[in-house]
C-alpha atoms as a PDB file:
ATOM      1  CA  MET A   1     122.137 133.624  88.447  1.00  0.00           C
ATOM      2  CA  SER A   2     121.677 130.236  88.816  1.00  0.00           C
ATOM      3  CA  ALA A   3     117.650 130.136  88.846  1.00  0.00           C
ATOM      4  CA  MET A   4     115.182 132.561  88.471  1.00  0.00           C
ATOM      5  CA  ARG A   5     111.449 132.220  90.431  1.00  0.00           C
ATOM      6  CA  THR A   6     107.967 133.642  88.901  1.00  0.00           C
ATOM      7  CA  GLU A   7     104.703 133.142  90.792  1.00  0.00           C
ATOM      8  CA  ASP A   8     102.594 132.290  87.946  1.00  0.00           C
ATOM      9  CA  ALA A   9     102.963 128.367  87.481  1.00  0.00           C
ATOM     10  CA  ALA A  10     100.536 125.481  88.350  1.00  0.00           C
ATOM     11  CA  ASP A  11     100.975 123.902  91.429  1.00  0.00           C
ATOM     12  CA  GLY A  12     102.899 120.550  91.019  1.00  0.00           C
ATOM     13  CA  GLU A  13     103.774 120.370  87.491  1.00  0.00           C
ATOM     14  CA  SER A  14     107.163 119.415  85.627  1.00  0.00           C
ATOM     15  CA  THR A  15     107.615 119.923  82.105  1.00  0.00           C
ATOM     16  CA  ALA A  16     110.167 119.108  79.462  1.00  0.00           C
ATOM     17  CA  ASN A  17     111.935 122.389  78.210  1.00  0.00           C
ATOM     18  CA  GLY A  18     114.407 121.816  75.681  1.00  0.00           C
ATOM     19  CA  GLY A  19     117.723 120.592  77.212  1.00  0.00           C
ATOM     20  CA  GLY A  20     116.345 121.947  80.763  1.00  0.00           C
ATOM     21  CA  VAL A  21     114.008 121.071  82.854  1.00  0.00           C
ATOM     22  CA  VAL A  22     111.182 123.400  84.593  1.00  0.00           C
ATOM     23  CA  CYS A  23     109.753 122.344  88.015  1.00  0.00           C
ATOM     24  CA  GLN A  24     107.025 123.896  89.217  1.00  0.00           C
ATOM     25  CA  GLU A  25     106.460 123.389  93.196  1.00  0.00           C
ATOM     26  CA  GLY A  26     104.344 125.074  95.387  1.00  0.00           C
ATOM     27  CA  GLY A  27     103.203 127.956  92.088  1.00  0.00           C
ATOM     28  CA  VAL A  28     106.729 128.550  92.105  1.00  0.00           C
ATOM     29  CA  THR A  29     108.606 127.807  88.567  1.00  0.00           C
ATOM     30  CA  ILE A  30     112.637 127.191  89.100  1.00  0.00           C
ATOM     31  CA  LEU A  31     114.826 127.832  85.725  1.00  0.00           C
ATOM     32  CA  ARG A  32     117.658 125.629  85.932  1.00  0.00           C
ATOM     33  CA  PRO A  33     120.902 126.601  84.428  1.00  0.00           C
ATOM     34  CA  THR A  34     120.388 124.576  81.094  1.00  0.00           C
ATOM     35  CA  ASP A  35     117.480 127.027  80.402  1.00  0.00           C
ATOM     36  CA  LEU A  36     118.321 129.199  77.444  1.00  0.00           C
ATOM     37  CA  SER A  37     117.616 132.086  79.246  1.00  0.00           C
ATOM     38  CA  GLU A  38     119.938 131.216  81.870  1.00  0.00           C
ATOM     39  CA  MET A  39     122.876 130.676  79.897  1.00  0.00           C
ATOM     40  CA  LEU A  40     122.060 133.633  77.695  1.00  0.00           C
ATOM     41  CA  ALA A  41     122.199 135.465  81.268  1.00  0.00           C
ATOM     42  CA  ALA A  42     125.291 133.886  82.108  1.00  0.00           C
ATOM     43  CA  GLY A  43     126.938 133.678  78.784  1.00  0.00           C
ATOM     44  CA  THR A  44     126.729 137.416  77.813  1.00  0.00           C
ATOM     45  CA  LYS A  45     127.303 138.655  81.198  1.00  0.00           C
ATOM     46  CA  GLU A  46     131.168 139.556  80.740  1.00  0.00           C
ATOM     47  CA  VAL A  47     129.997 141.206  77.202  1.00  0.00           C
ATOM     48  CA  HIS A  48     126.983 142.926  78.402  1.00  0.00           C
ATOM     49  CA  GLU A  49     129.604 144.798  81.208  1.00  0.00           C
ATOM     50  CA  LYS A  50     131.946 145.662  78.607  1.00  0.00           C
ATOM     51  CA  ALA A  51     128.758 147.498  76.261  1.00  0.00           C
ATOM     52  CA  GLU A  52     127.873 149.312  79.042  1.00  0.00           C
ATOM     53  CA  ASN A  53     131.013 150.543  80.396  1.00  0.00           C
ATOM     54  CA  THR A  54     131.760 152.421  76.834  1.00  0.00           C
ATOM     55  CA  GLU A  55     131.979 156.173  76.887  1.00  0.00           C
ATOM     56  CA  PHE A  56     129.201 156.631  74.739  1.00  0.00           C
ATOM     57  CA  VAL A  57     126.554 154.740  77.127  1.00  0.00           C
ATOM     58  CA  LYS A  58     128.312 156.333  79.992  1.00  0.00           C
ATOM     59  CA  ASP A  59     127.967 159.702  78.391  1.00  0.00           C
ATOM     60  CA  PHE A  60     124.253 159.134  77.956  1.00  0.00           C
ATOM     61  CA  LEU A  61     123.484 157.892  81.261  1.00  0.00           C
ATOM     62  CA  ARG A  62     124.976 161.351  82.678  1.00  0.00           C
ATOM     63  CA  GLY A  63     122.815 163.289  80.502  1.00  0.00           C
ATOM     64  CA  ARG A  64     125.997 164.736  78.017  1.00  0.00           C
ATOM     65  CA  ILE A  65     124.060 164.005  74.699  1.00  0.00           C
ATOM     66  CA  ARG A  66     125.160 165.137  71.630  1.00  0.00           C
ATOM     67  CA  LYS A  67     121.898 165.603  69.541  1.00  0.00           C
ATOM     68  CA  GLU A  68     123.867 164.775  66.305  1.00  0.00           C
ATOM     69  CA  LEU A  69     125.019 161.412  67.971  1.00  0.00           C
ATOM     70  CA  PHE A  70     121.583 160.471  69.284  1.00  0.00           C
ATOM     71  CA  LYS A  71     120.092 160.858  65.391  1.00  0.00           C
ATOM     72  CA  LEU A  72     123.067 158.616  64.126  1.00  0.00           C
ATOM     73  CA  GLY A  73     122.394 156.186  66.865  1.00  0.00           C
ATOM     74  CA  HIS A  74     118.792 156.048  66.009  1.00  0.00           C
ATOM     75  CA  VAL A  75     119.904 155.717  61.861  1.00  0.00           C
ATOM     76  CA  ALA A  76     121.949 152.742  63.061  1.00  0.00           C
ATOM     77  CA  LEU A  77     118.976 151.381  65.013  1.00  0.00           C
ATOM     78  CA  TYR A  78     116.817 151.879  62.577  1.00  0.00           C
ATOM     79  CA  PHE A  79     118.705 149.716  59.786  1.00  0.00           C
ATOM     80  CA  THR A  80     119.416 147.047  62.558  1.00  0.00           C
ATOM     81  CA  TYR A  81     115.524 146.800  63.489  1.00  0.00           C
ATOM     82  CA  SER A  82     114.668 146.791  59.873  1.00  0.00           C
ATOM     83  CA  ALA A  83     116.885 143.902  59.259  1.00  0.00           C
ATOM     84  CA  MET A  84     116.074 141.762  62.226  1.00  0.00           C
ATOM     85  CA  GLU A  85     112.370 142.540  61.462  1.00  0.00           C
ATOM     86  CA  GLU A  86     112.410 141.303  58.282  1.00  0.00           C
ATOM     87  CA  GLU A  87     114.251 138.217  58.894  1.00  0.00           C
ATOM     88  CA  MET A  88     111.782 137.517  61.877  1.00  0.00           C
ATOM     89  CA  GLU A  89     109.169 137.853  59.632  1.00  0.00           C
ATOM     90  CA  ARG A  90     110.122 135.979  56.754  1.00  0.00           C
ATOM     91  CA  ASN A  91     111.070 132.975  59.353  1.00  0.00           C
ATOM     92  CA  LYS A  92     107.843 133.633  61.519  1.00  0.00           C
ATOM     93  CA  GLU A  93     106.761 130.232  60.600  1.00  0.00           C
ATOM     94  CA  HIS A  94     110.013 128.499  61.769  1.00  0.00           C
ATOM     95  CA  PRO A  95     109.778 125.870  64.720  1.00  0.00           C
ATOM     96  CA  ASP A  96     112.497 128.135  66.746  1.00  0.00           C
ATOM     97  CA  LEU A  97     111.266 131.346  66.303  1.00  0.00           C
ATOM     98  CA  ALA A  98     107.402 131.235  66.088  1.00  0.00           C
ATOM     99  CA  ALA A  99     106.838 131.026  69.659  1.00  0.00           C
ATOM    100  CA  LEU A 100     108.906 134.782  69.910  1.00  0.00           C
ATOM    101  CA  TYR A 101     107.134 136.316  67.198  1.00  0.00           C
ATOM    102  CA  PHE A 102     105.693 139.517  68.772  1.00  0.00           C
ATOM    103  CA  PRO A 103     105.348 141.986  66.077  1.00  0.00           C
ATOM    104  CA  HIS A 104     102.412 144.123  67.578  1.00  0.00           C
ATOM    105  CA  GLU A 105     104.328 144.126  71.087  1.00  0.00           C
ATOM    106  CA  LEU A 106     107.878 144.450  69.991  1.00  0.00           C
ATOM    107  CA  HIS A 107     108.755 145.619  66.573  1.00  0.00           C
ATOM    108  CA  ARG A 108     110.317 149.066  66.385  1.00  0.00           C
ATOM    109  CA  ARG A 109     111.053 149.885  62.841  1.00  0.00           C
ATOM    110  CA  ASP A 110     107.937 152.012  62.337  1.00  0.00           C
ATOM    111  CA  ALA A 111     108.458 153.853  65.638  1.00  0.00           C
ATOM    112  CA  LEU A 112     112.219 154.531  64.534  1.00  0.00           C
ATOM    113  CA  ALA A 113     110.864 155.936  61.207  1.00  0.00           C
ATOM    114  CA  ARG A 114     108.595 158.437  63.171  1.00  0.00           C
ATOM    115  CA  ASP A 115     111.418 159.565  65.131  1.00  0.00           C
ATOM    116  CA  LEU A 116     113.995 159.788  62.237  1.00  0.00           C
ATOM    117  CA  GLN A 117     111.113 161.961  60.449  1.00  0.00           C
ATOM    118  CA  TYR A 118     110.990 163.973  63.239  1.00  0.00           C
ATOM    119  CA  PHE A 119     114.703 164.693  63.390  1.00  0.00           C
ATOM    120  CA  TYR A 120     115.369 164.685  59.916  1.00  0.00           C
ATOM    121  CA  GLY A 121     112.049 166.119  58.164  1.00  0.00           C
ATOM    122  CA  GLU A 122     109.756 164.466  55.668  1.00  0.00           C
ATOM    123  CA  ASP A 123     112.770 163.609  53.113  1.00  0.00           C
ATOM    124  CA  TRP A 124     114.588 161.610  56.018  1.00  0.00           C
ATOM    125  CA  GLN A 125     115.390 158.413  54.066  1.00  0.00           C
ATOM    126  CA  ASP A 126     117.378 160.415  51.591  1.00  0.00           C
ATOM    127  CA  GLN A 127     119.514 161.823  54.269  1.00  0.00           C
ATOM    128  CA  ILE A 128     120.300 158.496  56.174  1.00  0.00           C
ATOM    129  CA  SER A 129     122.871 155.838  55.214  1.00  0.00           C
ATOM    130  CA  LEU A 130     124.504 152.776  56.400  1.00  0.00           C
ATOM    131  CA  SER A 131     127.393 153.001  58.610  1.00  0.00           C
ATOM    132  CA  PRO A 132     130.203 150.695  58.475  1.00  0.00           C
ATOM    133  CA  ALA A 133     129.746 149.415  61.484  1.00  0.00           C
ATOM    134  CA  THR A 134     126.063 148.980  60.804  1.00  0.00           C
ATOM    135  CA  ARG A 135     126.569 147.450  57.750  1.00  0.00           C
ATOM    136  CA  ARG A 136     128.289 144.872  59.129  1.00  0.00           C
ATOM    137  CA  TYR A 137     125.369 143.992  61.666  1.00  0.00           C
ATOM    138  CA  VAL A 138     123.007 144.159  59.135  1.00  0.00           C
ATOM    139  CA  GLU A 139     124.978 141.630  57.062  1.00  0.00           C
ATOM    140  CA  ARG A 140     125.111 139.169  59.826  1.00  0.00           C
ATOM    141  CA  ILE A 141     121.484 139.184  60.549  1.00  0.00           C
ATOM    142  CA  GLN A 142     120.578 138.931  57.349  1.00  0.00           C
ATOM    143  CA  GLN A 143     123.136 136.018  56.439  1.00  0.00           C
ATOM    144  CA  ILE A 144     121.444 134.084  59.735  1.00  0.00           C
ATOM    145  CA  GLY A 145     118.059 134.515  58.339  1.00  0.00           C
ATOM    146  CA  GLN A 146     119.151 132.756  55.238  1.00  0.00           C
ATOM    147  CA  ASP A 147     121.274 130.002  56.665  1.00  0.00           C
ATOM    148  CA  GLN A 148     120.690 129.454  60.363  1.00  0.00           C
ATOM    149  CA  PRO A 149     117.347 131.175  61.256  1.00  0.00           C
ATOM    150  CA  ALA A 150     117.399 129.775  64.953  1.00  0.00           C
ATOM    151  CA  LEU A 151     120.313 132.295  65.635  1.00  0.00           C
ATOM    152  CA  LEU A 152     117.827 135.040  65.291  1.00  0.00           C
ATOM    153  CA  VAL A 153     116.507 134.586  68.758  1.00  0.00           C
ATOM    154  CA  ALA A 154     120.147 135.898  70.259  1.00  0.00           C
ATOM    155  CA  HIS A 155     119.624 139.111  68.109  1.00  0.00           C
ATOM    156  CA  ALA A 156     116.021 139.503  69.090  1.00  0.00           C
ATOM    157  CA  TYR A 157     116.781 138.651  72.765  1.00  0.00           C
ATOM    158  CA  THR A 158     119.557 141.167  73.247  1.00  0.00           C
ATOM    159  CA  ARG A 159     117.617 143.949  71.587  1.00  0.00           C
ATOM    160  CA  TYR A 160     113.964 143.827  72.460  1.00  0.00           C
ATOM    161  CA  MET A 161     114.900 142.417  76.096  1.00  0.00           C
ATOM    162  CA  GLY A 162     117.322 145.310  76.820  1.00  0.00           C
ATOM    163  CA  ASP A 163     115.283 147.837  75.247  1.00  0.00           C
ATOM    164  CA  LEU A 164     112.389 146.701  77.836  1.00  0.00           C
ATOM    165  CA  SER A 165     114.840 146.740  80.602  1.00  0.00           C
ATOM    166  CA  GLY A 166     116.466 150.209  80.131  1.00  0.00           C
ATOM    167  CA  GLY A 167     114.230 151.905  77.489  1.00  0.00           C
ATOM    168  CA  GLN A 168     112.291 154.239  80.061  1.00  0.00           C
ATOM    169  CA  VAL A 169     115.261 155.634  81.762  1.00  0.00           C
ATOM    170  CA  LEU A 170     117.134 156.257  78.304  1.00  0.00           C
ATOM    171  CA  ARG A 171     113.897 158.033  77.227  1.00  0.00           C
ATOM    172  CA  LYS A 172     113.743 160.460  80.170  1.00  0.00           C
ATOM    173  CA  VAL A 173     117.514 160.845  80.316  1.00  0.00           C
ATOM    174  CA  ALA A 174     117.453 162.144  76.236  1.00  0.00           C
ATOM    175  CA  GLN A 175     113.939 163.904  76.721  1.00  0.00           C
ATOM    176  CA  ARG A 176     115.484 166.108  79.530  1.00  0.00           C
ATOM    177  CA  ALA A 177     119.018 166.638  78.060  1.00  0.00           C
ATOM    178  CA  MET A 178     117.918 167.076  74.697  1.00  0.00           C
ATOM    179  CA  LYS A 179     114.641 169.279  75.682  1.00  0.00           C
ATOM    180  CA  LEU A 180     112.385 167.118  73.725  1.00  0.00           C
ATOM    181  CA  PRO A 181     108.628 167.465  73.884  1.00  0.00           C
ATOM    182  CA  PRO A 182     106.896 166.030  76.784  1.00  0.00           C
ATOM    183  CA  THR A 183     104.531 164.563  73.860  1.00  0.00           C
ATOM    184  CA  GLY A 184     107.308 161.983  73.035  1.00  0.00           C
ATOM    185  CA  GLU A 185     108.436 163.286  69.263  1.00  0.00           C
ATOM    186  CA  GLY A 186     111.761 161.781  68.610  1.00  0.00           C
ATOM    187  CA  LEU A 187     111.503 159.179  71.378  1.00  0.00           C
ATOM    188  CA  ASN A 188     108.871 156.867  69.981  1.00  0.00           C
ATOM    189  CA  PHE A 189     111.472 153.967  70.077  1.00  0.00           C
ATOM    190  CA  TYR A 190     111.556 153.725  73.634  1.00  0.00           C
ATOM    191  CA  GLN A 191     107.420 153.401  74.097  1.00  0.00           C
ATOM    192  CA  PHE A 192     106.188 149.968  73.998  1.00  0.00           C
ATOM    193  CA  ASP A 193     102.268 150.524  73.585  1.00  0.00           C
ATOM    194  CA  GLY A 194     101.415 147.045  72.971  1.00  0.00           C
ATOM    195  CA  ILE A 195     103.421 146.176  76.247  1.00  0.00           C
ATOM    196  CA  HIS A 196     101.277 146.927  79.623  1.00  0.00           C
ATOM    197  CA  SER A 197     103.389 145.303  81.720  1.00  0.00           C
ATOM    198  CA  ALA A 198     107.494 145.153  80.724  1.00  0.00           C
ATOM    199  CA  LYS A 199     108.351 142.827  83.771  1.00  0.00           C
ATOM    200  CA  ALA A 200     105.465 140.648  82.927  1.00  0.00           C
ATOM    201  CA  PHE A 201     106.193 140.291  79.404  1.00  0.00           C
ATOM    202  CA  LYS A 202     109.804 139.812  79.436  1.00  0.00           C
ATOM    203  CA  GLN A 203     108.690 136.444  81.964  1.00  0.00           C
ATOM    204  CA  LEU A 204     106.638 135.202  79.126  1.00  0.00           C
ATOM    205  CA  TYR A 205     109.288 135.871  76.396  1.00  0.00           C
ATOM    206  CA  ARG A 206     111.783 134.185  78.545  1.00  0.00           C
ATOM    207  CA  SER A 207     109.393 131.331  79.195  1.00  0.00           C
ATOM    208  CA  ARG A 208     108.884 131.359  75.455  1.00  0.00           C
ATOM    209  CA  MET A 209     112.296 130.778  74.908  1.00  0.00           C
ATOM    210  CA  ASN A 210     112.843 128.219  77.299  1.00  0.00           C
ATOM    211  CA  GLU A 211     110.019 126.197  75.801  1.00  0.00           C
ATOM    212  CA  LEU A 212     111.897 126.004  72.546  1.00  0.00           C
ATOM    213  CA  GLU A 213     113.199 122.485  71.647  1.00  0.00           C
ATOM    214  CA  LEU A 214     116.855 123.105  71.106  1.00  0.00           C
ATOM    215  CA  ASP A 215     119.402 120.802  71.656  1.00  0.00           C
ATOM    216  CA  SER A 216     122.703 121.873  73.890  1.00  0.00           C
ATOM    217  CA  HIS A 217     124.715 122.517  70.583  1.00  0.00           C
ATOM    218  CA  THR A 218     122.016 124.791  69.266  1.00  0.00           C
ATOM    219  CA  LYS A 219     121.554 126.682  72.890  1.00  0.00           C
ATOM    220  CA  GLN A 220     125.313 127.067  72.821  1.00  0.00           C
ATOM    221  CA  LYS A 221     125.192 128.626  69.184  1.00  0.00           C
ATOM    222  CA  ILE A 222     122.609 130.953  70.282  1.00  0.00           C
ATOM    223  CA  VAL A 223     124.466 132.209  73.081  1.00  0.00           C
ATOM    224  CA  GLU A 224     127.916 132.647  71.044  1.00  0.00           C
ATOM    225  CA  GLU A 225     125.656 134.742  68.505  1.00  0.00           C
ATOM    226  CA  ALA A 226     124.214 136.646  71.346  1.00  0.00           C
ATOM    227  CA  VAL A 227     128.059 137.712  72.458  1.00  0.00           C
ATOM    228  CA  LEU A 228     128.361 138.590  68.755  1.00  0.00           C
ATOM    229  CA  ALA A 229     125.406 140.793  68.976  1.00  0.00           C
ATOM    230  CA  PHE A 230     126.936 142.719  71.929  1.00  0.00           C
ATOM    231  CA  GLN A 231     130.071 142.977  70.021  1.00  0.00           C
ATOM    232  CA  PHE A 232     128.123 144.583  66.969  1.00  0.00           C
ATOM    233  CA  ASN A 233     126.535 147.095  69.521  1.00  0.00           C
ATOM    234  CA  MET A 234     129.744 147.747  70.616  1.00  0.00           C
ATOM    235  CA  GLU A 235     131.300 148.634  67.535  1.00  0.00           C
ATOM    236  CA  ILE A 236     128.697 151.193  66.835  1.00  0.00           C
ATOM    237  CA  PHE A 237     129.072 152.918  70.199  1.00  0.00           C
ATOM    238  CA  GLU A 238     132.863 153.202  69.062  1.00  0.00           C
ATOM    239  CA  GLU A 239     132.077 154.368  65.686  1.00  0.00           C
ATOM    240  CA  LEU A 240     129.806 157.270  67.207  1.00  0.00           C
ATOM    241  CA  GLU A 241     132.745 158.159  69.404  1.00  0.00           C
ATOM    242  CA  GLU A 242     135.096 158.749  66.733  1.00  0.00           C
ATOM    243  CA  VAL A 243     132.264 160.924  64.859  1.00  0.00           C
ATOM    244  CA  GLY A 244     131.931 163.001  68.303  1.00  0.00           C
ATOM    245  CA  LYS A 245     135.349 163.762  67.795  1.00  0.00           C
ATOM    246  CA  THR A 246     135.010 165.525  64.802  1.00  0.00           C
ATOM    247  CA  LEU A 247     132.147 167.851  65.997  1.00  0.00           C
ATOM    248  CA  GLN A 248     131.935 170.781  68.002  1.00  0.00           C
ATOM    249  CA  ASP A 249     131.526 170.531  71.757  1.00  0.00           C
ATOM    250  CA  ASP A 250     127.743 170.719  71.300  1.00  0.00           C
ATOM    251  CA  VAL A 251     126.927 168.451  74.416  1.00  0.00           C
ATOM    252  CA  LEU A 252     123.453 169.173  75.863  1.00  0.00           C
ATOM    253  CA  ASP A 253     123.864 168.627  79.438  1.00  0.00           C
ATOM    254  CA  ALA A 254     120.668 167.398  82.024  1.00  0.00           C
ATOM    255  CA  ALA A 255     122.465 169.340  84.763  1.00  0.00           C
ATOM    256  CA  PRO A 256     122.500 173.111  84.942  1.00  0.00           C
ATOM    257  CA  ALA A 257     125.614 175.008  83.229  1.00  0.00           C
ATOM    258  CA  HIS A 258     127.252 175.872  86.264  1.00  0.00           C
ATOM    259  CA  GLY A 259     127.266 172.706  87.716  1.00  0.00           C
ATOM    260  CA  ALA A 260     129.043 170.987  84.527  1.00  0.00           C
ATOM    261  CA  HIS A 261     132.665 170.931  86.408  1.00  0.00           C
ATOM    262  CA  GLY A 262     131.352 170.154  89.717  1.00  0.00           C
ATOM    263  CA  ALA A 263     129.246 166.996  89.595  1.00  0.00           C
ATOM    264  CA  HIS A 264     130.512 165.525  85.925  1.00  0.00           C
ATOM    265  CA  GLY A 265     133.666 166.411  86.595  1.00  0.00           C
ATOM    266  CA  GLU A 266     133.659 163.903  89.750  1.00  0.00           C
ATOM    267  CA  MET A 267     132.036 161.580  87.358  1.00  0.00           C
ATOM    268  CA  GLN A 268     134.388 161.320  84.800  1.00  0.00           C
ATOM    269  CA  GLY A 269     136.445 158.243  84.231  1.00  0.00           C
ATOM    270  CA  ASP A 270     135.025 156.762  87.332  1.00  0.00           C
ATOM    271  CA  ILE A 271     132.941 153.676  86.923  1.00  0.00           C
ATOM    272  CA  SER A 272     131.750 153.662  90.535  1.00  0.00           C
ATOM    273  CA  GLN A 273     129.852 156.876  89.506  1.00  0.00           C
ATOM    274  CA  CYS A 274     128.001 154.861  86.719  1.00  0.00           C
ATOM    275  CA  PRO A 275     124.472 154.354  87.365  1.00  0.00           C
ATOM    276  CA  TYR A 276     124.642 150.830  85.527  1.00  0.00           C
ATOM    277  CA  TYR A 277     127.463 149.887  88.157  1.00  0.00           C
ATOM    278  CA  ALA A 278     124.961 151.161  90.789  1.00  0.00           C
ATOM    279  CA  ALA A 279     122.485 148.879  89.333  1.00  0.00           C
ATOM    280  CA  LYS A 280     124.613 145.931  89.942  1.00  0.00           C
ATOM    281  CA  MET A 281     125.789 147.066  93.818  1.00  0.00           C
ATOM    282  CA  ALA A 282     122.262 147.461  94.571  1.00  0.00           C
ATOM    283  CA  ALA A 283     121.238 143.933  93.034  1.00  0.00           C
ATOM    284  CA  SER A 284     124.167 142.326  95.020  1.00  0.00           C
ATOM    285  CA  GLY A 285     122.806 144.019  98.076  1.00  0.00           C
ATOM    286  CA  GLY A 286     125.353 146.923  98.246  1.00  0.00           C
ATOM    287  CA  SER A 287     122.829 149.356  99.974  1.00  0.00           C
ATOM    288  CA  SER A 288     125.684 151.433 102.166  1.00  0.00           C
ATOM    289  CA  TYR A 289     127.440 152.153  99.221  1.00  0.00           C
ATOM    290  CA  ILE A 290     124.030 153.756  97.539  1.00  0.00           C
ATOM    291  CA  CYS A 291     123.103 155.692 100.417  1.00  0.00           C
ATOM    292  CA  GLN A 292     126.700 157.213 100.540  1.00  0.00           C
ATOM    293  CA  MET A 293     126.902 158.237  97.274  1.00  0.00           C
ATOM    294  CA  ALA A 294     123.511 159.390  97.333  1.00  0.00           C
ATOM    295  CA  MET A 295     124.216 161.653 100.199  1.00  0.00           C
ATOM    296  CA  THR A 296     127.253 162.834  98.640  1.00  0.00           C
ATOM    297  CA  MET A 297     125.316 163.999  95.528  1.00  0.00           C
ATOM    298  CA  LEU A 298     122.307 166.013  97.454  1.00  0.00           C
ATOM    299  CA  LYS A 299     124.931 168.010  98.604  1.00  0.00           C
ATOM    300  CA  ASN A 300     125.141 169.872  95.127  1.00  0.00           C
ATOM    301  CA  PRO A 301     122.395 171.183  93.127  1.00  0.00           C
ATOM    302  CA  SER A 302     123.435 169.832  90.069  1.00  0.00           C
ATOM    303  CA  GLY A 303     124.050 166.438  91.586  1.00  0.00           C
ATOM    304  CA  GLN A 304     120.374 166.538  92.359  1.00  0.00           C
ATOM    305  CA  VAL A 305     119.817 166.131  88.783  1.00  0.00           C
ATOM    306  CA  ILE A 306     122.169 163.155  88.416  1.00  0.00           C
ATOM    307  CA  LEU A 307     120.602 161.457  91.135  1.00  0.00           C
ATOM    308  CA  ALA A 308     117.228 161.664  89.957  1.00  0.00           C
ATOM    309  CA  ALA A 309     118.579 160.332  86.330  1.00  0.00           C
ATOM    310  CA  TRP A 310     120.666 158.080  88.382  1.00  0.00           C
ATOM    311  CA  ILE A 311     117.792 156.580  90.347  1.00  0.00           C
ATOM    312  CA  ALA A 312     115.432 155.653  87.339  1.00  0.00           C
ATOM    313  CA  ALA A 313     118.653 153.897  86.015  1.00  0.00           C
ATOM    314  CA  LEU A 314     118.616 152.057  89.362  1.00  0.00           C
ATOM    315  CA  ALA A 315     115.177 151.111  89.076  1.00  0.00           C
ATOM    316  CA  GLY A 316     115.150 150.239  85.336  1.00  0.00           C
ATOM    317  CA  LEU A 317     118.512 148.345  84.804  1.00  0.00           C
ATOM    318  CA  ALA A 318     118.856 146.790  87.959  1.00  0.00           C
ATOM    319  CA  ALA A 319     116.026 144.460  86.357  1.00  0.00           C
ATOM    320  CA  TRP A 320     118.451 143.426  83.451  1.00  0.00           C
ATOM    321  CA  TYR A 321     120.767 141.693  86.243  1.00  0.00           C
ATOM    322  CA  LEU A 322     118.014 139.881  87.804  1.00  0.00           C
ATOM    323  CA  MET A 323     116.508 138.600  84.846  1.00  0.00           C
END
């Protein structure tokens, strides 16, 4: 995590970069630990892992999705993105935000509205409401939009970069588990039509963040706000888990029903079976672990389905750890 290299820099240049310096040598850009993108990656690592290990997220990646909870999750996202994008729009000329203003490429509110209309019908706006956890998240975004606009960088980074890193993985899992149309209805949130290369765009976004003229104190405040953003998301996950306890067992499973007690039973409660964990193992060179796990799963028909989702998760989510 101490440095990240991109191949699109000019030879021999060295430019000031907020509290750090970007040295460009031989066409390679070397990011310093004082760059905001590096500080965010390091400062949110622990809370990021906690968020990944909530039961809601692990169940989602296993393909065990309750449609009602998926809908409620989209409601929470709609209110969250509405607040964040309204504040970004209002502060779009602020010197700490202007370089990160990408409404065409990133904004999710309209996509979420289309999804909610698909799930709830034409009167969807009359059927949804702010949950307590979502309200706290929204109020925090609105507060800093008024008082400390620079901290919006933390919320934009946490949401948009995560969506670009793992969104396609979650889209495929949800589509398969809930048997949604292949044309994308109900899954517009995960589709970024204005971005042709997620990898290239994330590099651009991180570069823009690192070019912001921020002092070290402001950078640290942004990191702390990003940790808070993860915590708000975990509170929503926990809230959804509690709602799930009141619902009938209507889990929609991507795996065949006859294999539910096999593959899923083996995965229950074992963090080493979680695709997020596998992504980290791969990123750190744990190839023997990956091969052994894959061979075990291929012996079971339902395991083959899980492995397909697992491989997709590995490809999409390993990128987050290498950001």
